[in-house]
Each structure stands twice: as structure tokens, then as C-alpha cells.
């Protein structure tokens, strides 16, 4: 079943390739990370080359520490790569068989090698208040962080990896 989901995700990612002159290599190399509100407002629209990485960062609403879910463009597929959590607060923790838990050296831990494809290269997030401060951050620091909470607190946004020719307001 998992291989079928991966195949479908890959097929959906390649649909825009039907355009004249497009090739699988150029489409994968030119993917974009987009965050769009339900009203169609574009909060993030950044190039995301194959191998490119980004994280969604927020403050845990009860424990008030920083949590990170980190993704990558794995040859045109949005993949949850790793997650960082400072402790085992409510709703957080490692699930046996899903990645590899390692210490961060500061009392918290990383769950590495999760490497799960995100269905249809997109997911919906209900953005938290400014106290939660959901943000898109880039681990390499190549872009400034974008606070989703500043622009869409309490709203649903779609976080997606798309080919440039795909409509952002689907």
C-alpha cells in the first residue's frame, strides 16, 4: 500500500509536465514551496530545488518551547524528514518504527530519518496565535523566516510543494 501512495504522489507531482517543452528533470528542479490561505492569499512562494529543505516552527501551546517539523523536496516529493522536540510534552513523542530518536545534546531530541512522503505534496495547517507563532524557517538561513501567525492567525493554510505552472489557489 505504501508503494502505491508514493506512486500516486509522484504522478500528481508530474501532472504539470504535460506542458509543451517540460521535462521531468526541469519540473523537479523548479518546484516551489507555497503557503496559501483559504482566501487565496499567498504567504510564501519560494523556489525549492530538489534536496531543498524547510521547517515549520512553533511554540508548544502548553509547555512554551520550540518545536520543529522539517521537510525536504525529495526529487519532487514533499517529505517529512525530521522533527525536533525539547521533551515529551502532551501530543509529542517518538513513535517506534517511525524514524530514529537521537539526543540533541541539550535535553531534547531529534527524530531523524522519518522520510515520510506527504500525500499529494500538501497539507492543511490551522495557524496558531502570535503566542504559538507558526513560522516557515529555512535551516540553511537562505531566507528570512515567515511568520504565518502574523498574517493568518486562526486560519487554515495549505502548505504545498508545487511545480511553477500549478495554480496556487487550488
N, C-alpha and C. Protein backbone atom coordinates (compact mmCIF):
# COMPACT_ATOMS: atom_id res chain seq x y z
N UNK A 1 0.83 -1.20 0.00
CA UNK A 1 0.00 0.00 0.00
C UNK A 1 0.87 1.26 0.00
N UNK A 2 1.97 1.22 0.76
CA UNK A 2 2.81 2.41 0.85
C UNK A 2 3.43 2.75 -0.51
N UNK A 3 3.84 1.72 -1.28
CA UNK A 3 4.42 2.00 -2.59
C UNK A 3 3.39 2.60 -3.53
N UNK A 4 2.09 2.22 -3.36
CA UNK A 4 1.04 2.79 -4.20
C UNK A 4 0.85 4.27 -3.88
N UNK A 5 0.90 4.61 -2.60
CA UNK A 5 0.75 6.02 -2.20
C UNK A 5 1.91 6.83 -2.76
N UNK A 6 3.12 6.30 -2.69
CA UNK A 6 4.28 7.02 -3.24
C UNK A 6 4.15 7.21 -4.74
N UNK A 7 3.67 6.16 -5.43
CA UNK A 7 3.49 6.26 -6.87
C UNK A 7 2.45 7.33 -7.21
N UNK A 8 1.33 7.34 -6.49
CA UNK A 8 0.29 8.35 -6.75
C UNK A 8 0.82 9.75 -6.47
N UNK A 9 1.58 9.91 -5.39
CA UNK A 9 2.15 11.21 -5.08
C UNK A 9 3.07 11.67 -6.20
N UNK A 10 3.90 10.76 -6.71
CA UNK A 10 4.79 11.09 -7.81
C UNK A 10 4.01 11.45 -9.06
N UNK A 11 2.95 10.69 -9.35
CA UNK A 11 2.14 11.00 -10.52
C UNK A 11 1.49 12.38 -10.42
N UNK A 12 0.94 12.72 -9.25
CA UNK A 12 0.33 14.04 -9.07
C UNK A 12 1.37 15.13 -9.22
N UNK A 13 2.56 14.88 -8.73
CA UNK A 13 3.62 15.89 -8.84
C UNK A 13 4.03 16.12 -10.29
N UNK A 14 3.87 15.10 -11.14
CA UNK A 14 4.30 15.20 -12.53
C UNK A 14 3.20 15.65 -13.48
N UNK A 15 1.97 15.82 -13.02
CA UNK A 15 0.88 16.22 -13.91
C UNK A 15 1.20 17.47 -14.72
N UNK A 16 1.81 18.51 -14.15
CA UNK A 16 2.08 19.69 -14.95
C UNK A 16 3.08 19.46 -16.08
N UNK A 17 3.70 18.29 -16.15
CA UNK A 17 4.70 18.03 -17.17
C UNK A 17 4.10 17.92 -18.57
N UNK A 18 2.80 17.87 -18.68
CA UNK A 18 2.17 17.75 -19.98
C UNK A 18 2.34 19.01 -20.82
N UNK A 19 2.81 20.08 -20.22
CA UNK A 19 3.00 21.32 -20.97
C UNK A 19 4.11 21.15 -22.00
N UNK A 20 4.01 21.89 -23.09
CA UNK A 20 4.99 21.83 -24.16
C UNK A 20 6.37 22.22 -23.63
N UNK A 21 7.35 21.40 -23.94
CA UNK A 21 8.73 21.72 -23.57
C UNK A 21 9.12 21.33 -22.16
N UNK A 22 8.20 20.87 -21.35
CA UNK A 22 8.54 20.50 -19.98
C UNK A 22 9.15 19.11 -19.96
N UNK A 23 10.07 18.92 -19.06
CA UNK A 23 10.66 17.60 -18.88
C UNK A 23 10.63 17.26 -17.41
N UNK A 24 10.68 15.95 -17.06
CA UNK A 24 10.66 15.59 -15.65
C UNK A 24 11.78 16.25 -14.87
N UNK A 25 12.96 16.34 -15.45
CA UNK A 25 14.09 16.93 -14.76
C UNK A 25 13.86 18.41 -14.48
N UNK A 26 13.35 19.16 -15.47
CA UNK A 26 13.16 20.59 -15.25
C UNK A 26 12.05 20.85 -14.25
N UNK A 27 10.98 20.03 -14.26
CA UNK A 27 9.89 20.25 -13.30
C UNK A 27 10.34 19.98 -11.88
N UNK A 28 11.09 18.90 -11.67
CA UNK A 28 11.56 18.59 -10.33
C UNK A 28 12.54 19.65 -9.85
N UNK A 29 13.40 20.11 -10.73
CA UNK A 29 14.40 21.10 -10.35
C UNK A 29 13.76 22.45 -10.04
N UNK A 30 12.56 22.71 -10.57
CA UNK A 30 11.97 24.03 -10.41
C UNK A 30 10.74 24.04 -9.52
N UNK A 31 10.65 23.11 -8.59
CA UNK A 31 9.50 23.09 -7.67
C UNK A 31 9.50 24.35 -6.83
N UNK A 32 8.34 24.66 -6.24
CA UNK A 32 8.19 25.83 -5.39
C UNK A 32 7.50 25.43 -4.09
N UNK A 33 7.91 26.05 -3.00
CA UNK A 33 7.22 25.92 -1.73
C UNK A 33 6.22 27.05 -1.65
N UNK A 34 4.95 26.71 -1.44
CA UNK A 34 3.91 27.74 -1.36
C UNK A 34 3.08 27.52 -0.11
N UNK A 35 2.71 28.63 0.54
CA UNK A 35 1.76 28.61 1.65
C UNK A 35 0.67 29.59 1.25
N UNK A 36 -0.59 29.07 1.19
CA UNK A 36 -1.71 29.84 0.68
C UNK A 36 -2.87 29.74 1.66
N UNK A 37 -3.52 30.89 1.92
CA UNK A 37 -4.70 30.90 2.79
C UNK A 37 -5.91 30.38 2.03
N UNK A 38 -7.00 30.11 2.74
CA UNK A 38 -8.24 29.67 2.09
C UNK A 38 -8.79 30.74 1.16
N UNK A 39 -8.48 32.00 1.44
CA UNK A 39 -8.94 33.11 0.60
C UNK A 39 -8.04 33.30 -0.63
N UNK A 40 -6.97 32.53 -0.73
CA UNK A 40 -6.08 32.62 -1.88
C UNK A 40 -4.91 33.56 -1.69
N UNK A 41 -4.73 34.11 -0.49
CA UNK A 41 -3.57 34.97 -0.24
C UNK A 41 -2.32 34.10 -0.17
N UNK A 42 -1.29 34.51 -0.88
CA UNK A 42 -0.03 33.76 -0.93
C UNK A 42 0.90 34.32 0.14
N UNK A 43 1.20 33.50 1.15
CA UNK A 43 2.08 33.93 2.24
C UNK A 43 3.53 33.57 1.97
N UNK A 44 3.75 32.48 1.27
CA UNK A 44 5.11 32.04 0.90
C UNK A 44 5.04 31.51 -0.52
N UNK A 45 5.99 31.90 -1.33
CA UNK A 45 6.16 31.37 -2.68
C UNK A 45 7.65 31.44 -2.99
N UNK A 46 8.36 30.36 -2.71
CA UNK A 46 9.82 30.33 -2.83
C UNK A 46 10.28 29.15 -3.67
N UNK A 47 11.33 29.33 -4.47
CA UNK A 47 11.89 28.20 -5.21
C UNK A 47 12.35 27.13 -4.22
N UNK A 48 12.13 25.87 -4.58
CA UNK A 48 12.56 24.78 -3.73
C UNK A 48 13.18 23.70 -4.62
N UNK A 49 14.48 23.79 -4.84
CA UNK A 49 15.14 22.81 -5.70
C UNK A 49 15.13 21.42 -5.08
N UNK A 50 15.37 20.42 -5.89
CA UNK A 50 15.47 19.06 -5.37
C UNK A 50 16.53 19.04 -4.28
N UNK A 51 16.20 18.46 -3.13
CA UNK A 51 17.11 18.44 -1.99
C UNK A 51 16.94 19.64 -1.06
N UNK A 52 16.17 20.65 -1.50
CA UNK A 52 15.94 21.84 -0.67
C UNK A 52 15.15 21.49 0.58
N UNK A 53 15.41 22.24 1.66
CA UNK A 53 14.79 21.95 2.96
C UNK A 53 14.14 23.19 3.56
N UNK A 54 13.08 22.96 4.36
CA UNK A 54 12.42 24.00 5.13
C UNK A 54 11.80 23.35 6.35
N UNK A 55 11.46 24.17 7.34
CA UNK A 55 10.83 23.66 8.56
C UNK A 55 9.63 24.52 8.92
N UNK A 56 8.67 23.91 9.59
CA UNK A 56 7.59 24.64 10.23
C UNK A 56 7.96 24.66 11.72
N UNK A 57 8.06 25.85 12.27
CA UNK A 57 8.49 26.03 13.66
C UNK A 57 7.37 26.71 14.43
N UNK A 58 7.18 26.29 15.68
CA UNK A 58 6.17 26.92 16.53
C UNK A 58 6.50 26.71 17.98
N UNK A 59 5.80 27.46 18.82
CA UNK A 59 5.94 27.32 20.27
C UNK A 59 4.83 26.42 20.77
N UNK A 60 5.19 25.38 21.51
CA UNK A 60 4.19 24.47 22.07
C UNK A 60 3.25 25.27 22.95
N UNK A 61 1.94 25.10 22.75
CA UNK A 61 0.95 25.96 23.41
C UNK A 61 0.87 25.75 24.92
N UNK A 62 1.30 24.60 25.43
CA UNK A 62 1.25 24.35 26.87
C UNK A 62 2.62 24.54 27.51
N UNK A 63 3.63 23.91 26.94
CA UNK A 63 4.98 23.93 27.53
C UNK A 63 5.81 25.14 27.09
N UNK A 64 5.40 25.81 26.03
CA UNK A 64 6.04 27.04 25.53
C UNK A 64 7.49 26.85 25.10
N UNK A 65 7.81 25.71 24.50
CA UNK A 65 9.12 25.53 23.92
C UNK A 65 8.98 25.38 22.41
N UNK A 66 10.09 25.52 21.71
CA UNK A 66 10.08 25.49 20.25
C UNK A 66 10.05 24.06 19.72
N UNK A 67 9.17 23.81 18.76
CA UNK A 67 9.05 22.53 18.08
C UNK A 67 9.33 22.78 16.60
N UNK A 68 9.96 21.83 15.94
CA UNK A 68 10.25 21.93 14.50
C UNK A 68 9.82 20.66 13.79
N UNK A 69 9.13 20.80 12.68
CA UNK A 69 8.91 19.71 11.74
C UNK A 69 9.61 20.13 10.46
N UNK A 70 10.56 19.31 10.02
CA UNK A 70 11.41 19.70 8.88
C UNK A 70 11.14 18.80 7.67
N UNK A 71 11.07 19.44 6.53
CA UNK A 71 10.70 18.80 5.27
C UNK A 71 11.80 19.00 4.25
N UNK A 72 11.71 18.21 3.16
CA UNK A 72 12.61 18.41 2.03
C UNK A 72 11.89 18.09 0.73
N UNK A 73 12.41 18.65 -0.34
CA UNK A 73 11.97 18.30 -1.68
C UNK A 73 12.82 17.10 -2.09
N UNK A 74 12.25 15.92 -2.02
CA UNK A 74 12.95 14.69 -2.39
C UNK A 74 12.56 14.35 -3.83
N UNK A 75 13.27 14.95 -4.79
CA UNK A 75 13.01 14.72 -6.22
C UNK A 75 11.55 14.97 -6.58
N UNK A 76 11.01 16.09 -6.09
CA UNK A 76 9.65 16.47 -6.44
C UNK A 76 8.59 15.98 -5.47
N UNK A 77 8.98 15.31 -4.42
CA UNK A 77 8.03 14.80 -3.41
C UNK A 77 8.30 15.51 -2.09
N UNK A 78 7.24 16.12 -1.50
CA UNK A 78 7.38 16.71 -0.17
C UNK A 78 7.50 15.57 0.82
N UNK A 79 8.58 15.61 1.60
CA UNK A 79 8.84 14.54 2.55
C UNK A 79 9.10 15.12 3.93
N UNK A 80 8.40 14.59 4.95
CA UNK A 80 8.72 14.93 6.34
C UNK A 80 10.02 14.21 6.65
N UNK A 81 11.06 14.98 6.87
CA UNK A 81 12.40 14.43 7.04
C UNK A 81 12.73 14.17 8.51
N UNK A 82 12.46 15.16 9.36
CA UNK A 82 12.84 15.04 10.77
C UNK A 82 12.01 15.99 11.62
N UNK A 83 12.05 15.79 12.94
CA UNK A 83 11.29 16.60 13.86
C UNK A 83 12.13 16.82 15.12
N UNK A 84 12.04 18.03 15.68
CA UNK A 84 12.77 18.34 16.92
C UNK A 84 11.80 18.71 18.02
N UNK A 85 12.00 18.10 19.20
CA UNK A 85 11.15 18.36 20.35
C UNK A 85 12.01 18.39 21.60
N UNK A 86 11.85 19.42 22.41
CA UNK A 86 12.67 19.52 23.62
C UNK A 86 12.31 18.54 24.72
N UNK A 87 11.09 17.99 24.71
CA UNK A 87 10.75 16.94 25.67
C UNK A 87 9.49 16.22 25.21
N UNK A 88 9.01 15.31 26.02
CA UNK A 88 7.84 14.51 25.66
C UNK A 88 6.56 15.15 26.20
N UNK A 89 6.29 16.37 25.81
CA UNK A 89 5.07 17.06 26.25
C UNK A 89 3.85 16.42 25.59
N UNK A 90 2.69 16.83 26.05
CA UNK A 90 1.43 16.29 25.52
C UNK A 90 1.39 16.41 24.00
N UNK A 91 1.10 15.30 23.35
CA UNK A 91 0.97 15.30 21.89
C UNK A 91 2.26 15.15 21.14
N UNK A 92 3.38 15.10 21.84
CA UNK A 92 4.67 14.95 21.18
C UNK A 92 5.31 13.64 21.59
N UNK A 93 6.25 13.20 20.83
CA UNK A 93 6.98 12.00 21.18
C UNK A 93 7.32 11.18 19.96
N UNK A 94 8.19 10.23 20.18
CA UNK A 94 8.65 9.35 19.12
C UNK A 94 7.75 8.13 19.04
N UNK A 95 7.40 7.72 17.84
CA UNK A 95 6.61 6.51 17.61
C UNK A 95 7.57 5.44 17.12
N UNK A 96 7.64 4.34 17.83
CA UNK A 96 8.56 3.26 17.48
C UNK A 96 8.37 2.87 16.01
N UNK A 97 9.49 2.72 15.30
CA UNK A 97 9.44 2.34 13.89
C UNK A 97 9.29 3.51 12.94
N UNK A 98 9.15 4.72 13.46
CA UNK A 98 8.99 5.91 12.62
C UNK A 98 10.19 6.82 12.88
N UNK A 99 11.22 6.65 12.10
CA UNK A 99 12.42 7.44 12.29
C UNK A 99 13.28 6.91 13.43
N UNK A 100 14.26 7.72 13.76
CA UNK A 100 15.26 7.32 14.75
C UNK A 100 15.45 8.45 15.75
N UNK A 101 15.18 8.20 17.01
CA UNK A 101 15.29 9.23 18.04
C UNK A 101 16.74 9.36 18.51
N UNK A 102 17.25 10.60 18.49
CA UNK A 102 18.61 10.86 18.98
C UNK A 102 18.57 12.12 19.85
N UNK A 103 19.47 12.17 20.81
CA UNK A 103 19.56 13.34 21.70
C UNK A 103 20.03 14.55 20.91
N UNK A 104 19.52 15.72 21.29
CA UNK A 104 20.03 16.95 20.67
C UNK A 104 21.19 17.52 21.49
N UNK A 105 21.56 16.84 22.58
CA UNK A 105 22.66 17.28 23.42
C UNK A 105 22.28 18.38 24.40
N UNK A 106 21.01 18.81 24.38
CA UNK A 106 20.56 19.88 25.26
C UNK A 106 19.30 19.49 26.03
N UNK A 107 19.08 18.18 26.19
CA UNK A 107 17.92 17.71 26.94
C UNK A 107 16.71 17.38 26.08
N UNK A 108 16.74 17.75 24.82
CA UNK A 108 15.66 17.44 23.89
C UNK A 108 16.09 16.33 22.96
N UNK A 109 15.38 16.18 21.85
CA UNK A 109 15.73 15.12 20.92
C UNK A 109 15.26 15.46 19.51
N UNK A 110 15.95 14.86 18.55
CA UNK A 110 15.56 14.87 17.15
C UNK A 110 15.00 13.51 16.81
N UNK A 111 13.99 13.47 16.00
CA UNK A 111 13.57 12.22 15.37
C UNK A 111 14.02 12.37 13.92
N UNK A 112 15.09 11.68 13.57
CA UNK A 112 15.69 11.74 12.24
C UNK A 112 15.18 10.60 11.37
N UNK A 113 15.41 10.73 10.09
CA UNK A 113 15.11 9.67 9.11
C UNK A 113 13.65 9.24 9.14
N UNK A 114 12.74 10.20 9.36
CA UNK A 114 11.31 9.88 9.26
C UNK A 114 11.00 9.59 7.78
N UNK A 115 11.41 10.51 6.92
CA UNK A 115 11.34 10.33 5.46
C UNK A 115 9.98 9.83 4.96
N UNK A 116 8.91 10.44 5.45
CA UNK A 116 7.55 10.09 5.03
C UNK A 116 7.06 11.07 3.98
N UNK A 117 6.60 10.55 2.83
CA UNK A 117 6.03 11.46 1.84
C UNK A 117 4.72 12.06 2.36
N UNK A 118 4.50 13.31 2.04
CA UNK A 118 3.26 13.98 2.40
C UNK A 118 2.28 13.78 1.24
N UNK A 119 1.11 13.24 1.54
CA UNK A 119 0.13 12.93 0.50
C UNK A 119 -0.15 14.14 -0.38
N UNK A 120 -0.10 13.94 -1.67
CA UNK A 120 -0.39 14.97 -2.67
C UNK A 120 0.49 16.21 -2.54
N UNK A 121 1.64 16.08 -1.86
CA UNK A 121 2.60 17.18 -1.72
C UNK A 121 2.00 18.40 -1.02
N UNK A 122 1.03 18.18 -0.14
CA UNK A 122 0.41 19.31 0.56
C UNK A 122 -0.27 18.85 1.83
N UNK A 123 -0.42 19.79 2.76
CA UNK A 123 -1.23 19.55 3.94
C UNK A 123 -1.78 20.87 4.44
N UNK A 124 -2.85 20.77 5.23
CA UNK A 124 -3.51 21.94 5.77
C UNK A 124 -3.09 22.11 7.23
N UNK A 125 -2.82 23.35 7.61
CA UNK A 125 -2.43 23.69 8.98
C UNK A 125 -3.35 24.78 9.49
N UNK A 126 -3.89 24.61 10.68
CA UNK A 126 -4.60 25.70 11.35
C UNK A 126 -3.54 26.50 12.07
N UNK A 127 -3.33 27.73 11.66
CA UNK A 127 -2.25 28.57 12.17
C UNK A 127 -2.61 29.06 13.57
N UNK A 128 -1.65 28.96 14.47
CA UNK A 128 -1.85 29.39 15.85
C UNK A 128 -1.71 30.90 16.01
N UNK A 129 -2.01 31.35 17.21
CA UNK A 129 -1.92 32.78 17.56
C UNK A 129 -0.47 33.24 17.56
N UNK A 130 -0.26 34.51 17.80
CA UNK A 130 1.11 35.04 17.86
C UNK A 130 1.91 34.40 18.99
N UNK A 131 1.25 33.92 20.05
CA UNK A 131 1.96 33.23 21.13
C UNK A 131 2.53 31.89 20.64
N UNK A 132 1.83 31.24 19.73
CA UNK A 132 2.30 29.98 19.14
C UNK A 132 3.32 30.28 18.05
N UNK A 133 3.07 31.32 17.28
CA UNK A 133 3.95 31.81 16.22
C UNK A 133 4.42 30.73 15.25
N UNK A 134 3.47 30.14 14.51
CA UNK A 134 3.85 29.23 13.43
C UNK A 134 4.67 30.01 12.41
N UNK A 135 5.80 29.46 12.03
CA UNK A 135 6.68 30.11 11.07
C UNK A 135 7.22 29.10 10.07
N UNK A 136 7.53 29.57 8.87
CA UNK A 136 8.32 28.79 7.93
C UNK A 136 9.75 29.29 8.10
N UNK A 137 10.67 28.36 8.36
CA UNK A 137 12.08 28.72 8.51
C UNK A 137 12.90 27.82 7.60
N UNK A 138 14.06 28.31 7.22
CA UNK A 138 14.97 27.57 6.36
C UNK A 138 16.21 27.23 7.17
N UNK A 139 16.54 25.93 7.31
CA UNK A 139 17.67 25.54 8.15
C UNK A 139 19.01 26.12 7.69
N UNK A 140 19.14 26.40 6.41
CA UNK A 140 20.39 26.96 5.90
C UNK A 140 20.44 28.47 6.07
N UNK A 141 19.34 29.07 6.48
CA UNK A 141 19.29 30.52 6.65
C UNK A 141 19.28 31.29 5.35
N UNK A 142 18.97 30.61 4.21
CA UNK A 142 19.00 31.30 2.92
C UNK A 142 17.83 32.26 2.73
N UNK A 143 16.80 32.14 3.56
CA UNK A 143 15.65 33.05 3.51
C UNK A 143 15.34 33.51 4.93
N UNK A 144 14.68 34.64 5.04
CA UNK A 144 14.19 35.09 6.34
C UNK A 144 12.98 34.25 6.72
N UNK A 145 12.80 34.02 8.02
CA UNK A 145 11.62 33.30 8.49
C UNK A 145 10.37 34.08 8.13
N UNK A 146 9.28 33.36 7.85
CA UNK A 146 8.00 33.98 7.56
C UNK A 146 7.03 33.54 8.65
N UNK A 147 6.52 34.49 9.42
CA UNK A 147 5.56 34.19 10.47
C UNK A 147 4.17 34.03 9.87
N UNK A 148 3.67 32.80 9.85
CA UNK A 148 2.32 32.56 9.37
C UNK A 148 1.30 33.14 10.34
N UNK A 149 1.65 33.13 11.64
CA UNK A 149 0.74 33.66 12.66
C UNK A 149 0.51 35.16 12.49
N UNK A 150 1.51 35.86 12.00
CA UNK A 150 1.37 37.30 11.79
C UNK A 150 0.32 37.61 10.73
N UNK A 151 0.21 36.74 9.72
CA UNK A 151 -0.68 37.01 8.59
C UNK A 151 -1.96 36.19 8.58
N UNK A 152 -1.98 35.05 9.31
CA UNK A 152 -3.14 34.15 9.17
C UNK A 152 -3.50 33.47 10.49
N UNK A 153 -3.33 34.14 11.60
CA UNK A 153 -3.66 33.56 12.90
C UNK A 153 -5.10 33.06 12.93
N UNK A 154 -5.29 31.82 13.38
CA UNK A 154 -6.62 31.23 13.48
C UNK A 154 -7.20 30.73 12.17
N UNK A 155 -6.47 30.88 11.08
CA UNK A 155 -6.96 30.46 9.76
C UNK A 155 -6.30 29.17 9.32
N UNK A 156 -6.93 28.52 8.34
CA UNK A 156 -6.34 27.35 7.71
C UNK A 156 -5.49 27.82 6.53
N UNK A 157 -4.30 27.25 6.42
CA UNK A 157 -3.45 27.50 5.26
C UNK A 157 -3.05 26.15 4.68
N UNK A 158 -2.75 26.16 3.38
CA UNK A 158 -2.24 24.96 2.72
C UNK A 158 -0.76 25.17 2.47
N UNK A 159 0.03 24.23 2.97
CA UNK A 159 1.48 24.22 2.75
C UNK A 159 1.71 23.18 1.67
N UNK A 160 2.35 23.60 0.56
CA UNK A 160 2.45 22.69 -0.58
C UNK A 160 3.74 22.86 -1.35
N UNK A 161 4.15 21.78 -1.96
CA UNK A 161 5.28 21.77 -2.88
C UNK A 161 4.69 21.57 -4.26
N UNK A 162 4.89 22.55 -5.14
CA UNK A 162 4.22 22.53 -6.44
C UNK A 162 5.19 22.86 -7.56
N UNK A 163 4.81 22.46 -8.77
CA UNK A 163 5.53 22.88 -9.96
C UNK A 163 5.11 24.32 -10.24
N UNK A 164 5.99 25.15 -10.79
CA UNK A 164 5.66 26.56 -11.01
C UNK A 164 4.41 26.79 -11.84
N UNK A 165 4.07 25.88 -12.73
CA UNK A 165 2.91 26.08 -13.58
C UNK A 165 1.60 25.71 -12.88
N UNK A 166 1.67 25.06 -11.71
CA UNK A 166 0.46 24.67 -10.98
C UNK A 166 -0.19 25.90 -10.37
N UNK A 167 -1.50 25.92 -10.36
CA UNK A 167 -2.23 27.05 -9.77
C UNK A 167 -2.04 27.04 -8.26
N UNK A 168 -1.76 28.20 -7.69
CA UNK A 168 -1.56 28.30 -6.23
C UNK A 168 -2.88 28.32 -5.48
N UNK A 169 -3.99 28.60 -6.12
CA UNK A 169 -5.26 28.71 -5.41
C UNK A 169 -6.18 27.53 -5.70
N UNK A 170 -5.66 26.31 -5.62
CA UNK A 170 -6.48 25.12 -5.88
C UNK A 170 -7.41 24.88 -4.74
